Amino acid sequence: MLQNRVDPWGNIIKTSARGAWMGNRGVIHNEHQQVLYPFKHKAWIICLLEFKGRRRKVMTPRRWTELFFLDEATAFSAGHRPCFECRRQDAGRFRSCWVKGNPGHGFDETTSIREIDNILHQERIDSNKAKPTYAANIEDLPDGVVVVYEGKPSLVAGAFVFPWSPFGYDDGIARSGLGRVQVLTPRSMVNAFRAGYRPQMAVKE
């Protein structure tokens, strides 16, 4: 079993559960298929599992490390965004929604994704190498955001929050009246969701 699944905190974990998306943070493993680093560059991306018939052997030495996510909501919570090669349409839609949802940066749809990645990276990891979170009223959060509920990452979708596990989500809990919660999904991505980007979620609302 390889250490190649990502949880909503952004941690790279070992689990037998499979993922619906693949991710990339650079070459972060060694020749023994051991993960040595949390990342090697700021472009944390979400990729398709299959693209143009390409075949890869997972954790090939000196090639980028394949990471996997339960769903797109998990990937966003961890700090990843759509790839501009294998998901060009989704990536363009994400950039448009991100720019619209975060007008204070003065960006537009011609802005390099690298500039957005620089901001996202500040929202992924703080100066103590921990994941930044912030408090918000759960009623104000859009679908697709991951929060902490009773100590566990949980997905906001419709009128419920769904506790996360590597194998899927547990039964939903009514979010009405839960009040303020800690938010795991980076703030600027939450704003992109409000502006119209709807991530894929492995849950039935």
N, C-alpha and C. Protein backbone atom coordinates (compact mmCIF):
# COMPACT_ATOMS: atom_id res chain seq x y z
N MET A 1 0.84 -1.18 0.00
CA MET A 1 0.00 0.00 0.00
C MET A 1 0.88 1.25 0.00
N LEU A 2 0.65 2.14 -0.95
CA LEU A 2 1.48 3.34 -1.08
C LEU A 2 0.87 4.53 -0.34
N GLN A 3 1.75 5.42 0.04
CA GLN A 3 1.31 6.68 0.65
C GLN A 3 1.05 7.67 -0.48
N ASN A 4 -0.17 7.67 -1.00
CA ASN A 4 -0.43 8.53 -2.16
C ASN A 4 -1.86 9.07 -2.22
N ARG A 5 -2.61 8.93 -1.13
CA ARG A 5 -3.93 9.55 -1.07
C ARG A 5 -3.85 10.83 -0.24
N VAL A 6 -4.69 11.80 -0.58
CA VAL A 6 -4.66 13.10 0.09
C VAL A 6 -5.97 13.31 0.83
N ASP A 7 -5.87 13.74 2.10
CA ASP A 7 -7.07 14.02 2.87
C ASP A 7 -7.42 15.51 2.80
N PRO A 8 -8.54 15.93 3.34
CA PRO A 8 -8.93 17.34 3.22
C PRO A 8 -8.01 18.33 3.90
N TRP A 9 -7.18 17.85 4.83
CA TRP A 9 -6.19 18.72 5.46
C TRP A 9 -4.99 18.97 4.55
N GLY A 10 -4.87 18.16 3.49
CA GLY A 10 -3.70 18.24 2.62
C GLY A 10 -2.64 17.22 2.95
N ASN A 11 -2.89 16.38 3.97
CA ASN A 11 -1.93 15.34 4.34
C ASN A 11 -1.93 14.23 3.30
N ILE A 12 -0.77 13.63 3.06
CA ILE A 12 -0.64 12.49 2.15
C ILE A 12 -0.62 11.24 3.00
N ILE A 13 -1.63 10.39 2.80
CA ILE A 13 -1.85 9.27 3.71
C ILE A 13 -1.81 7.93 2.97
N LYS A 14 -1.71 6.85 3.75
CA LYS A 14 -1.80 5.49 3.22
C LYS A 14 -3.21 4.97 3.44
N THR A 15 -3.83 4.43 2.40
CA THR A 15 -5.14 3.81 2.52
C THR A 15 -5.37 2.93 1.30
N SER A 16 -6.18 1.91 1.47
CA SER A 16 -6.52 1.04 0.34
C SER A 16 -7.64 1.62 -0.51
N ALA A 17 -8.24 2.71 -0.07
CA ALA A 17 -9.33 3.34 -0.82
C ALA A 17 -8.80 3.92 -2.12
N ARG A 18 -9.64 3.90 -3.15
CA ARG A 18 -9.26 4.43 -4.45
C ARG A 18 -9.78 5.87 -4.60
N GLY A 19 -9.24 6.58 -5.57
CA GLY A 19 -9.64 7.96 -5.77
C GLY A 19 -10.26 8.20 -7.13
N ALA A 20 -11.02 9.30 -7.24
CA ALA A 20 -11.68 9.67 -8.49
C ALA A 20 -10.87 10.64 -9.31
N TRP A 21 -9.86 11.26 -8.69
CA TRP A 21 -9.01 12.24 -9.37
C TRP A 21 -7.56 11.98 -9.01
N MET A 22 -6.67 12.44 -9.86
CA MET A 22 -5.24 12.35 -9.60
C MET A 22 -4.68 13.76 -9.38
N GLY A 23 -3.62 13.86 -8.60
CA GLY A 23 -3.03 15.16 -8.33
C GLY A 23 -1.52 15.15 -8.48
N ASN A 24 -0.95 16.35 -8.46
CA ASN A 24 0.48 16.53 -8.70
C ASN A 24 0.99 17.68 -7.85
N ARG A 25 2.09 17.44 -7.12
CA ARG A 25 2.81 18.49 -6.40
C ARG A 25 4.29 18.45 -6.75
N GLY A 26 4.64 17.73 -7.82
CA GLY A 26 6.03 17.59 -8.19
C GLY A 26 6.58 16.23 -7.79
N VAL A 27 7.89 16.07 -7.90
CA VAL A 27 8.56 14.81 -7.53
C VAL A 27 8.82 14.84 -6.03
N ILE A 28 8.02 14.11 -5.28
CA ILE A 28 8.14 14.16 -3.82
C ILE A 28 8.42 12.78 -3.22
N HIS A 29 8.74 11.77 -4.08
CA HIS A 29 9.04 10.44 -3.57
C HIS A 29 10.45 10.03 -4.02
N ASN A 30 10.96 8.97 -3.40
CA ASN A 30 12.28 8.47 -3.76
C ASN A 30 12.17 7.17 -4.57
N GLU A 31 13.30 6.53 -4.82
CA GLU A 31 13.30 5.32 -5.64
C GLU A 31 12.65 4.13 -4.93
N HIS A 32 12.38 4.28 -3.63
CA HIS A 32 11.73 3.21 -2.88
C HIS A 32 10.23 3.49 -2.71
N GLN A 33 9.71 4.42 -3.48
CA GLN A 33 8.29 4.80 -3.45
C GLN A 33 7.86 5.32 -2.08
N GLN A 34 8.79 6.03 -1.45
CA GLN A 34 8.51 6.67 -0.17
C GLN A 34 8.37 8.17 -0.38
N VAL A 35 7.33 8.76 0.20
CA VAL A 35 7.13 10.21 0.10
C VAL A 35 8.07 10.91 1.07
N LEU A 36 8.89 11.82 0.54
CA LEU A 36 9.88 12.52 1.36
C LEU A 36 9.51 13.96 1.64
N TYR A 37 8.70 14.57 0.78
CA TYR A 37 8.38 15.98 0.90
C TYR A 37 6.87 16.20 0.71
N PRO A 38 6.31 17.24 1.31
CA PRO A 38 4.89 17.52 1.10
C PRO A 38 4.59 18.12 -0.27
N PHE A 39 5.61 18.77 -0.87
CA PHE A 39 5.45 19.37 -2.20
C PHE A 39 6.82 19.78 -2.71
N LYS A 40 6.91 20.04 -4.03
CA LYS A 40 8.13 20.55 -4.62
C LYS A 40 7.89 21.85 -5.41
N HIS A 41 6.64 22.19 -5.69
CA HIS A 41 6.35 23.45 -6.37
C HIS A 41 4.97 23.94 -5.94
N LYS A 42 4.62 25.15 -6.36
CA LYS A 42 3.37 25.77 -5.92
C LYS A 42 2.17 25.42 -6.79
N ALA A 43 2.40 24.74 -7.90
CA ALA A 43 1.29 24.36 -8.79
C ALA A 43 0.73 23.02 -8.33
N TRP A 44 -0.17 23.06 -7.36
CA TRP A 44 -0.83 21.84 -6.88
C TRP A 44 -2.07 21.65 -7.75
N ILE A 45 -2.10 20.59 -8.54
CA ILE A 45 -3.15 20.47 -9.54
C ILE A 45 -4.00 19.21 -9.35
N ILE A 46 -5.19 19.25 -9.97
CA ILE A 46 -6.13 18.13 -9.98
C ILE A 46 -6.23 17.65 -11.43
N CYS A 47 -5.93 16.39 -11.66
CA CYS A 47 -5.88 15.85 -13.02
C CYS A 47 -6.90 14.73 -13.21
N LEU A 48 -7.19 14.44 -14.46
CA LEU A 48 -8.00 13.29 -14.81
C LEU A 48 -7.22 12.00 -14.55
N LEU A 49 -7.93 10.94 -14.22
CA LEU A 49 -7.26 9.65 -14.07
C LEU A 49 -6.77 9.11 -15.41
N GLU A 50 -7.47 9.46 -16.49
CA GLU A 50 -7.07 9.01 -17.83
C GLU A 50 -7.05 10.22 -18.76
N PHE A 51 -6.02 10.29 -19.62
CA PHE A 51 -5.90 11.42 -20.55
C PHE A 51 -5.11 10.98 -21.77
N LYS A 52 -5.76 11.00 -22.91
CA LYS A 52 -5.14 10.69 -24.20
C LYS A 52 -4.42 9.34 -24.21
N GLY A 53 -4.94 8.38 -23.47
CA GLY A 53 -4.38 7.04 -23.48
C GLY A 53 -3.01 6.90 -22.84
N ARG A 54 -2.56 7.92 -22.12
CA ARG A 54 -1.24 7.84 -21.49
C ARG A 54 -1.24 6.81 -20.37
N ARG A 55 -0.11 6.14 -20.21
CA ARG A 55 0.04 5.15 -19.15
C ARG A 55 1.22 5.53 -18.28
N ARG A 56 1.03 5.44 -16.97
CA ARG A 56 2.09 5.77 -16.03
C ARG A 56 2.20 4.66 -15.00
N LYS A 57 3.41 4.34 -14.62
CA LYS A 57 3.64 3.46 -13.47
C LYS A 57 3.74 4.35 -12.25
N VAL A 58 2.87 4.11 -11.28
CA VAL A 58 2.80 4.98 -10.10
C VAL A 58 4.14 5.02 -9.38
N MET A 59 4.56 6.25 -9.06
CA MET A 59 5.80 6.52 -8.33
C MET A 59 7.04 5.99 -9.06
N THR A 60 7.09 6.21 -10.34
CA THR A 60 8.31 5.93 -11.11
C THR A 60 9.41 6.85 -10.61
N PRO A 61 10.63 6.36 -10.40
CA PRO A 61 11.71 7.23 -9.92
C PRO A 61 11.92 8.44 -10.83
N ARG A 62 12.10 9.60 -10.19
CA ARG A 62 12.43 10.86 -10.85
C ARG A 62 11.31 11.39 -11.76
N ARG A 63 10.10 10.89 -11.58
CA ARG A 63 8.93 11.46 -12.27
C ARG A 63 7.93 11.93 -11.23
N TRP A 64 7.08 12.88 -11.60
CA TRP A 64 6.20 13.47 -10.59
C TRP A 64 5.34 12.41 -9.91
N THR A 65 5.06 12.68 -8.65
CA THR A 65 4.37 11.73 -7.78
C THR A 65 2.87 11.81 -7.97
N GLU A 66 2.26 10.68 -8.32
CA GLU A 66 0.80 10.63 -8.50
C GLU A 66 0.11 10.58 -7.14
N LEU A 67 -0.75 11.56 -6.90
CA LEU A 67 -1.56 11.59 -5.69
C LEU A 67 -3.02 11.40 -6.08
N PHE A 68 -3.86 10.98 -5.14
CA PHE A 68 -5.25 10.67 -5.48
C PHE A 68 -6.20 11.24 -4.43
N PHE A 69 -7.42 11.60 -4.92
CA PHE A 69 -8.42 12.24 -4.07
C PHE A 69 -9.75 11.50 -4.16
N LEU A 70 -10.48 11.46 -3.05
CA LEU A 70 -11.82 10.89 -3.04
C LEU A 70 -12.71 11.60 -4.06
N ASP A 71 -12.68 12.92 -4.07
CA ASP A 71 -13.49 13.71 -4.99
C ASP A 71 -12.84 15.07 -5.16
N GLU A 72 -13.43 15.90 -6.01
CA GLU A 72 -12.82 17.20 -6.28
C GLU A 72 -12.92 18.12 -5.07
N ALA A 73 -14.00 18.00 -4.29
CA ALA A 73 -14.14 18.82 -3.09
C ALA A 73 -12.98 18.56 -2.12
N THR A 74 -12.57 17.29 -1.99
CA THR A 74 -11.42 16.95 -1.15
C THR A 74 -10.15 17.59 -1.68
N ALA A 75 -9.97 17.53 -3.00
CA ALA A 75 -8.77 18.10 -3.61
C ALA A 75 -8.69 19.61 -3.39
N PHE A 76 -9.83 20.29 -3.56
CA PHE A 76 -9.85 21.74 -3.31
C PHE A 76 -9.55 22.04 -1.85
N SER A 77 -10.13 21.28 -0.94
CA SER A 77 -9.87 21.50 0.47
C SER A 77 -8.38 21.39 0.78
N ALA A 78 -7.72 20.43 0.14
CA ALA A 78 -6.28 20.23 0.34
C ALA A 78 -5.45 21.35 -0.27
N GLY A 79 -6.07 22.14 -1.18
CA GLY A 79 -5.35 23.26 -1.80
C GLY A 79 -5.01 23.08 -3.25
N HIS A 80 -5.55 22.05 -3.90
CA HIS A 80 -5.29 21.81 -5.32
C HIS A 80 -6.32 22.53 -6.19
N ARG A 81 -5.97 22.75 -7.46
CA ARG A 81 -6.89 23.38 -8.42
C ARG A 81 -6.78 22.63 -9.75
N PRO A 82 -7.75 22.79 -10.67
CA PRO A 82 -7.75 22.02 -11.92
C PRO A 82 -6.52 22.27 -12.79
N CYS A 83 -6.08 21.19 -13.46
CA CYS A 83 -4.92 21.22 -14.35
C CYS A 83 -5.29 21.89 -15.68
N PHE A 84 -4.39 22.71 -16.20
CA PHE A 84 -4.65 23.39 -17.47
C PHE A 84 -4.31 22.54 -18.68
N GLU A 85 -3.70 21.36 -18.48
CA GLU A 85 -3.43 20.49 -19.63
C GLU A 85 -4.56 19.51 -19.86
N CYS A 86 -4.86 18.67 -18.88
CA CYS A 86 -5.87 17.64 -19.09
C CYS A 86 -7.29 18.11 -18.78
N ARG A 87 -7.42 19.28 -18.14
CA ARG A 87 -8.76 19.79 -17.77
C ARG A 87 -8.88 21.26 -18.16
N ARG A 88 -8.53 21.57 -19.38
CA ARG A 88 -8.43 22.97 -19.79
C ARG A 88 -9.74 23.73 -19.57
N GLN A 89 -10.87 23.13 -19.94
CA GLN A 89 -12.15 23.84 -19.79
C GLN A 89 -12.47 24.11 -18.32
N ASP A 90 -12.30 23.09 -17.48
CA ASP A 90 -12.55 23.27 -16.05
C ASP A 90 -11.57 24.27 -15.45
N ALA A 91 -10.31 24.21 -15.87
CA ALA A 91 -9.31 25.13 -15.35
C ALA A 91 -9.63 26.57 -15.71
N GLY A 92 -10.07 26.79 -16.95
CA GLY A 92 -10.46 28.13 -17.36
C GLY A 92 -11.66 28.62 -16.59
N ARG A 93 -12.63 27.73 -16.35
CA ARG A 93 -13.82 28.10 -15.59
C ARG A 93 -13.43 28.41 -14.14
N PHE A 94 -12.52 27.62 -13.58
CA PHE A 94 -12.06 27.89 -12.22
C PHE A 94 -11.38 29.26 -12.15
N ARG A 95 -10.48 29.55 -13.09
CA ARG A 95 -9.80 30.85 -13.05
C ARG A 95 -10.81 31.99 -13.14
N SER A 96 -11.80 31.87 -14.03
CA SER A 96 -12.81 32.91 -14.17
C SER A 96 -13.57 33.12 -12.87
N CYS A 97 -13.98 32.02 -12.24
CA CYS A 97 -14.71 32.13 -10.98
C CYS A 97 -13.82 32.65 -9.86
N TRP A 98 -12.56 32.23 -9.87
CA TRP A 98 -11.64 32.69 -8.83
C TRP A 98 -11.44 34.21 -8.94
N VAL A 99 -11.23 34.68 -10.15
CA VAL A 99 -11.04 36.13 -10.37
C VAL A 99 -12.30 36.90 -9.96
N LYS A 100 -13.46 36.39 -10.36
CA LYS A 100 -14.72 37.04 -10.02
C LYS A 100 -14.96 37.05 -8.51
N GLY A 101 -14.63 35.95 -7.85
CA GLY A 101 -14.88 35.84 -6.42
C GLY A 101 -13.86 36.54 -5.55
N ASN A 102 -12.71 36.91 -6.13
CA ASN A 102 -11.64 37.55 -5.35
C ASN A 102 -11.19 38.84 -6.04
N PRO A 103 -12.10 39.83 -6.16
CA PRO A 103 -11.77 41.04 -6.92
C PRO A 103 -10.70 41.91 -6.29
N GLY A 104 -10.45 41.72 -5.01
CA GLY A 104 -9.48 42.57 -4.33
C GLY A 104 -8.06 42.42 -4.83
N HIS A 105 -7.77 41.35 -5.56
CA HIS A 105 -6.40 41.14 -6.05
C HIS A 105 -6.14 41.90 -7.36
N GLY A 106 -7.19 42.40 -7.99
CA GLY A 106 -7.00 43.15 -9.23
C GLY A 106 -6.66 42.29 -10.42
N PHE A 107 -6.93 40.98 -10.35
CA PHE A 107 -6.65 40.09 -11.47
C PHE A 107 -7.81 40.08 -12.46
N ASP A 108 -7.53 39.58 -13.67
CA ASP A 108 -8.59 39.34 -14.64
C ASP A 108 -8.35 37.97 -15.29
N GLU A 109 -9.15 37.63 -16.29
CA GLU A 109 -9.08 36.28 -16.85
C GLU A 109 -7.83 36.04 -17.69
N THR A 110 -7.03 37.06 -17.90
CA THR A 110 -5.75 36.88 -18.59
C THR A 110 -4.60 36.68 -17.60
N THR A 111 -4.89 36.77 -16.31
CA THR A 111 -3.86 36.62 -15.29
C THR A 111 -3.24 35.23 -15.35
N SER A 112 -1.94 35.17 -15.24
CA SER A 112 -1.25 33.87 -15.22
C SER A 112 -1.71 33.06 -14.03
N ILE A 113 -1.94 31.77 -14.25
CA ILE A 113 -2.34 30.90 -13.16
C ILE A 113 -1.24 30.84 -12.11
N ARG A 114 0.00 31.12 -12.49
CA ARG A 114 1.10 31.13 -11.50
C ARG A 114 0.87 32.19 -10.43
N GLU A 115 0.30 33.32 -10.83
CA GLU A 115 0.02 34.38 -9.84
C GLU A 115 -1.06 33.92 -8.87
N ILE A 116 -2.05 33.21 -9.37
CA ILE A 116 -3.08 32.66 -8.49
C ILE A 116 -2.48 31.58 -7.60
N ASP A 117 -1.60 30.74 -8.16
CA ASP A 117 -0.94 29.70 -7.36
C ASP A 117 -0.16 30.30 -6.19
N ASN A 118 0.46 31.45 -6.41
CA ASN A 118 1.21 32.09 -5.33
C ASN A 118 0.30 32.44 -4.16
N ILE A 119 -0.90 32.91 -4.46
CA ILE A 119 -1.85 33.23 -3.41
C ILE A 119 -2.38 31.97 -2.76
N LEU A 120 -2.72 30.98 -3.58
CA LEU A 120 -3.21 29.72 -3.04
C LEU A 120 -2.19 29.08 -2.10
N HIS A 121 -0.92 29.20 -2.44
CA HIS A 121 0.10 28.56 -1.62
C HIS A 121 0.15 29.18 -0.23
N GLN A 122 -0.09 30.46 -0.14
CA GLN A 122 -0.14 31.12 1.17
C GLN A 122 -1.33 30.63 2.00
N GLU A 123 -2.37 30.18 1.30
CA GLU A 123 -3.56 29.69 2.00
C GLU A 123 -3.47 28.19 2.33
N ARG A 124 -2.49 27.50 1.77
CA ARG A 124 -2.32 26.07 2.04
C ARG A 124 -1.48 25.81 3.28
N ILE A 125 -0.40 26.60 3.42
CA ILE A 125 0.61 26.33 4.44
C ILE A 125 1.02 27.65 5.08
N ASP A 126 0.98 27.71 6.41
CA ASP A 126 1.38 28.95 7.08
C ASP A 126 2.86 28.91 7.44
N SER A 127 3.31 29.91 8.17
CA SER A 127 4.74 30.02 8.49
C SER A 127 5.22 28.89 9.40
N ASN A 128 4.29 28.21 10.07
CA ASN A 128 4.64 27.07 10.92
C ASN A 128 4.47 25.75 10.20
N LYS A 129 4.28 25.82 8.88
CA LYS A 129 4.09 24.64 8.03
C LYS A 129 2.81 23.87 8.38
N ALA A 130 1.84 24.60 8.91
CA ALA A 130 0.53 24.01 9.23
C ALA A 130 -0.51 24.53 8.25
N LYS A 131 -1.64 23.85 8.16
CA LYS A 131 -2.70 24.29 7.27
C LYS A 131 -3.50 25.41 7.92
N PRO A 132 -3.59 26.57 7.29
CA PRO A 132 -4.41 27.65 7.87
C PRO A 132 -5.89 27.31 7.77
N THR A 133 -6.63 27.65 8.79
CA THR A 133 -8.09 27.54 8.76
C THR A 133 -8.66 28.86 9.23
N TYR A 134 -9.96 29.03 9.04
CA TYR A 134 -10.61 30.24 9.56
C TYR A 134 -12.04 29.90 9.93
N ALA A 135 -12.63 30.72 10.79
CA ALA A 135 -13.98 30.47 11.27
C ALA A 135 -15.00 31.17 10.39
N ALA A 136 -16.14 30.50 10.16
CA ALA A 136 -17.23 31.09 9.38
C ALA A 136 -18.54 30.47 9.84
N ASN A 137 -19.62 31.19 9.61
CA ASN A 137 -20.95 30.64 9.90
C ASN A 137 -21.28 29.62 8.82
N ILE A 138 -21.63 28.43 9.23
CA ILE A 138 -21.86 27.36 8.25
C ILE A 138 -23.00 27.69 7.29
N GLU A 139 -23.94 28.51 7.72
CA GLU A 139 -25.05 28.87 6.83
C GLU A 139 -24.59 29.75 5.68
N ASP A 140 -23.43 30.37 5.82
CA ASP A 140 -22.93 31.28 4.78
C ASP A 140 -22.02 30.59 3.76
N LEU A 141 -21.77 29.31 3.94
CA LEU A 141 -20.80 28.62 3.09
C LEU A 141 -21.48 27.95 1.90
N PRO A 142 -20.87 28.02 0.72
CA PRO A 142 -21.43 27.36 -0.47
C PRO A 142 -21.17 25.86 -0.47
N ASP A 143 -21.92 25.15 -1.28
CA ASP A 143 -21.70 23.71 -1.43
C ASP A 143 -20.28 23.43 -1.93
N GLY A 144 -19.70 22.34 -1.44
CA GLY A 144 -18.37 21.94 -1.87
C GLY A 144 -17.28 22.30 -0.90
N VAL A 145 -17.60 23.12 0.10
CA VAL A 145 -16.61 23.52 1.10
C VAL A 145 -16.47 22.42 2.15
N VAL A 146 -15.25 22.20 2.61
CA VAL A 146 -15.01 21.23 3.68
C VAL A 146 -14.70 21.99 4.97
N VAL A 147 -15.39 21.60 6.03
CA VAL A 147 -15.23 22.24 7.34
C VAL A 147 -14.85 21.17 8.37
N VAL A 148 -14.56 21.62 9.57
CA VAL A 148 -14.31 20.70 10.68
C VAL A 148 -15.56 20.65 11.54
N TYR A 149 -16.15 19.45 11.66
CA TYR A 149 -17.31 19.26 12.51
C TYR A 149 -17.02 18.11 13.48
N GLU A 150 -17.11 18.40 14.76
CA GLU A 150 -16.79 17.42 15.81
C GLU A 150 -15.43 16.79 15.57
N GLY A 151 -14.48 17.63 15.17
CA GLY A 151 -13.10 17.19 15.00
C GLY A 151 -12.79 16.49 13.70
N LYS A 152 -13.80 16.30 12.83
CA LYS A 152 -13.60 15.58 11.59
C LYS A 152 -13.86 16.48 10.38
N PRO A 153 -13.11 16.30 9.29
CA PRO A 153 -13.44 17.05 8.07
C PRO A 153 -14.80 16.60 7.56
N SER A 154 -15.62 17.57 7.17
CA SER A 154 -16.99 17.27 6.73
C SER A 154 -17.36 18.19 5.58
N LEU A 155 -18.05 17.64 4.61
CA LEU A 155 -18.41 18.35 3.39
C LEU A 155 -19.76 19.05 3.55
N VAL A 156 -19.79 20.32 3.16
CA VAL A 156 -21.04 21.08 3.12
C VAL A 156 -21.70 20.84 1.76
N ALA A 157 -22.93 20.31 1.78
CA ALA A 157 -23.65 20.05 0.53
C ALA A 157 -25.14 20.11 0.81
N GLY A 158 -25.83 21.04 0.16
CA GLY A 158 -27.24 21.20 0.40
C GLY A 158 -27.50 21.60 1.84
N ALA A 159 -28.45 20.94 2.47
CA ALA A 159 -28.83 21.28 3.85
C ALA A 159 -28.04 20.48 4.89
N PHE A 160 -26.98 19.78 4.45
CA PHE A 160 -26.29 18.86 5.34
C PHE A 160 -24.77 19.08 5.34
N VAL A 161 -24.14 18.50 6.34
CA VAL A 161 -22.69 18.29 6.32
C VAL A 161 -22.47 16.78 6.38
N PHE A 162 -21.48 16.32 5.63
CA PHE A 162 -21.23 14.88 5.52
C PHE A 162 -19.81 14.58 6.00
N PRO A 163 -19.65 13.88 7.11
CA PRO A 163 -18.31 13.53 7.60
C PRO A 163 -17.52 12.73 6.56
N TRP A 164 -16.26 13.09 6.39
CA TRP A 164 -15.40 12.53 5.35
C TRP A 164 -14.65 11.31 5.87
N SER A 165 -14.41 10.35 4.98
CA SER A 165 -13.45 9.28 5.21
C SER A 165 -12.80 8.96 3.87
N PRO A 166 -11.66 8.27 3.85
CA PRO A 166 -11.04 7.95 2.56
C PRO A 166 -11.92 7.12 1.64
N PHE A 167 -12.89 6.42 2.21
CA PHE A 167 -13.75 5.53 1.42
C PHE A 167 -15.06 6.19 1.01
N GLY A 168 -15.31 7.40 1.49
CA GLY A 168 -16.55 8.08 1.15
C GLY A 168 -17.06 8.88 2.33
N TYR A 169 -18.28 9.39 2.20
CA TYR A 169 -18.87 10.22 3.24
C TYR A 169 -19.87 9.43 4.08
N ASP A 170 -19.90 9.74 5.36
CA ASP A 170 -20.92 9.17 6.24
C ASP A 170 -22.24 9.89 6.03
N ASP A 171 -23.27 9.43 6.73
CA ASP A 171 -24.59 10.03 6.58
C ASP A 171 -24.56 11.52 6.93
N GLY A 172 -25.40 12.27 6.22
CA GLY A 172 -25.43 13.71 6.42
C GLY A 172 -26.06 14.12 7.74
N ILE A 173 -25.59 15.26 8.23
CA ILE A 173 -26.10 15.87 9.46
C ILE A 173 -26.63 17.25 9.08
N ALA A 174 -27.84 17.58 9.52
CA ALA A 174 -28.42 18.87 9.18
C ALA A 174 -27.49 19.99 9.63
N ARG A 175 -27.18 20.91 8.73
CA ARG A 175 -26.25 21.97 9.09
C ARG A 175 -26.92 23.16 9.76
N SER A 176 -28.23 23.24 9.66
CA SER A 176 -28.95 24.34 10.28
C SER A 176 -28.70 24.36 11.78
N GLY A 177 -28.28 25.49 12.29
CA GLY A 177 -28.06 25.64 13.72
C GLY A 177 -26.69 25.24 14.20
N LEU A 178 -25.81 24.79 13.31
CA LEU A 178 -24.47 24.38 13.74
C LEU A 178 -23.58 25.57 14.06
N GLY A 179 -23.96 26.74 13.56
CA GLY A 179 -23.22 27.95 13.92
C GLY A 179 -21.88 28.08 13.22
N ARG A 180 -20.89 28.54 13.96
CA ARG A 180 -19.57 28.80 13.38
C ARG A 180 -18.72 27.54 13.40
N VAL A 181 -18.00 27.35 12.31
CA VAL A 181 -17.15 26.17 12.15
C VAL A 181 -15.80 26.61 11.60
N GLN A 182 -14.80 25.75 11.74
CA GLN A 182 -13.50 26.00 11.12
C GLN A 182 -13.54 25.51 9.67
N VAL A 183 -13.08 26.32 8.75
CA VAL A 183 -13.12 26.01 7.33
C VAL A 183 -11.76 25.52 6.87
N LEU A 184 -11.73 24.35 6.19
CA LEU A 184 -10.49 23.80 5.66
C LEU A 184 -10.22 24.26 4.23
N THR A 185 -11.25 24.41 3.42
CA THR A 185 -11.06 24.84 2.03
C THR A 185 -10.49 26.26 2.02
N PRO A 186 -9.40 26.51 1.30
CA PRO A 186 -8.79 27.84 1.28
C PRO A 186 -9.82 28.93 0.96
N ARG A 187 -9.66 30.07 1.63
CA ARG A 187 -10.64 31.15 1.56
C ARG A 187 -10.92 31.60 0.13
N SER A 188 -9.87 31.77 -0.69
CA SER A 188 -10.10 32.27 -2.05
C SER A 188 -10.83 31.24 -2.91
N MET A 189 -10.66 29.94 -2.59
CA MET A 189 -11.39 28.91 -3.31
C MET A 189 -12.87 28.92 -2.90
N VAL A 190 -13.15 29.16 -1.63
CA VAL A 190 -14.52 29.30 -1.18
C VAL A 190 -15.19 30.44 -1.95
N ASN A 191 -14.46 31.53 -2.13
CA ASN A 191 -14.99 32.66 -2.89
C ASN A 191 -15.25 32.28 -4.35
N ALA A 192 -14.39 31.43 -4.92
CA ALA A 192 -14.60 30.96 -6.29
C ALA A 192 -15.86 30.10 -6.38
N PHE A 193 -16.13 29.30 -5.35
CA PHE A 193 -17.36 28.51 -5.32
C PHE A 193 -18.57 29.44 -5.28
N ARG A 194 -18.49 30.49 -4.47
CA ARG A 194 -19.60 31.45 -4.40
C ARG A 194 -19.83 32.11 -5.75
N ALA A 195 -18.75 32.27 -6.50
CA ALA A 195 -18.83 32.95 -7.80
C ALA A 195 -19.28 32.02 -8.92
N GLY A 196 -19.50 30.73 -8.60
CA GLY A 196 -20.08 29.85 -9.60
C GLY A 196 -19.38 28.54 -9.88
N TYR A 197 -18.14 28.34 -9.37
CA TYR A 197 -17.48 27.05 -9.61
C TYR A 197 -18.07 26.02 -8.65
N ARG A 198 -18.56 24.93 -9.18
CA ARG A 198 -19.14 23.87 -8.36
C ARG A 198 -18.27 22.62 -8.48
N PRO A 199 -17.59 22.25 -7.42
CA PRO A 199 -16.71 21.07 -7.49
C PRO A 199 -17.51 19.78 -7.49
N GLN A 200 -16.92 18.74 -8.09
CA GLN A 200 -17.54 17.42 -8.04
C GLN A 200 -17.47 16.91 -6.60
N MET A 201 -18.59 16.34 -6.13
CA MET A 201 -18.68 15.84 -4.76
C MET A 201 -19.19 14.40 -4.78
N ALA A 202 -18.54 13.53 -4.03
CA ALA A 202 -18.91 12.11 -4.02
C ALA A 202 -20.00 11.84 -2.99
N VAL A 203 -21.07 12.62 -3.09
CA VAL A 203 -22.17 12.50 -2.15
C VAL A 203 -23.46 12.86 -2.86
N LYS A 204 -24.54 12.22 -2.48
CA LYS A 204 -25.85 12.57 -3.00
C LYS A 204 -26.52 13.53 -2.03
N GLU A 205 -26.85 14.71 -2.51
CA GLU A 205 -27.44 15.71 -1.63
C GLU A 205 -28.89 15.36 -1.31
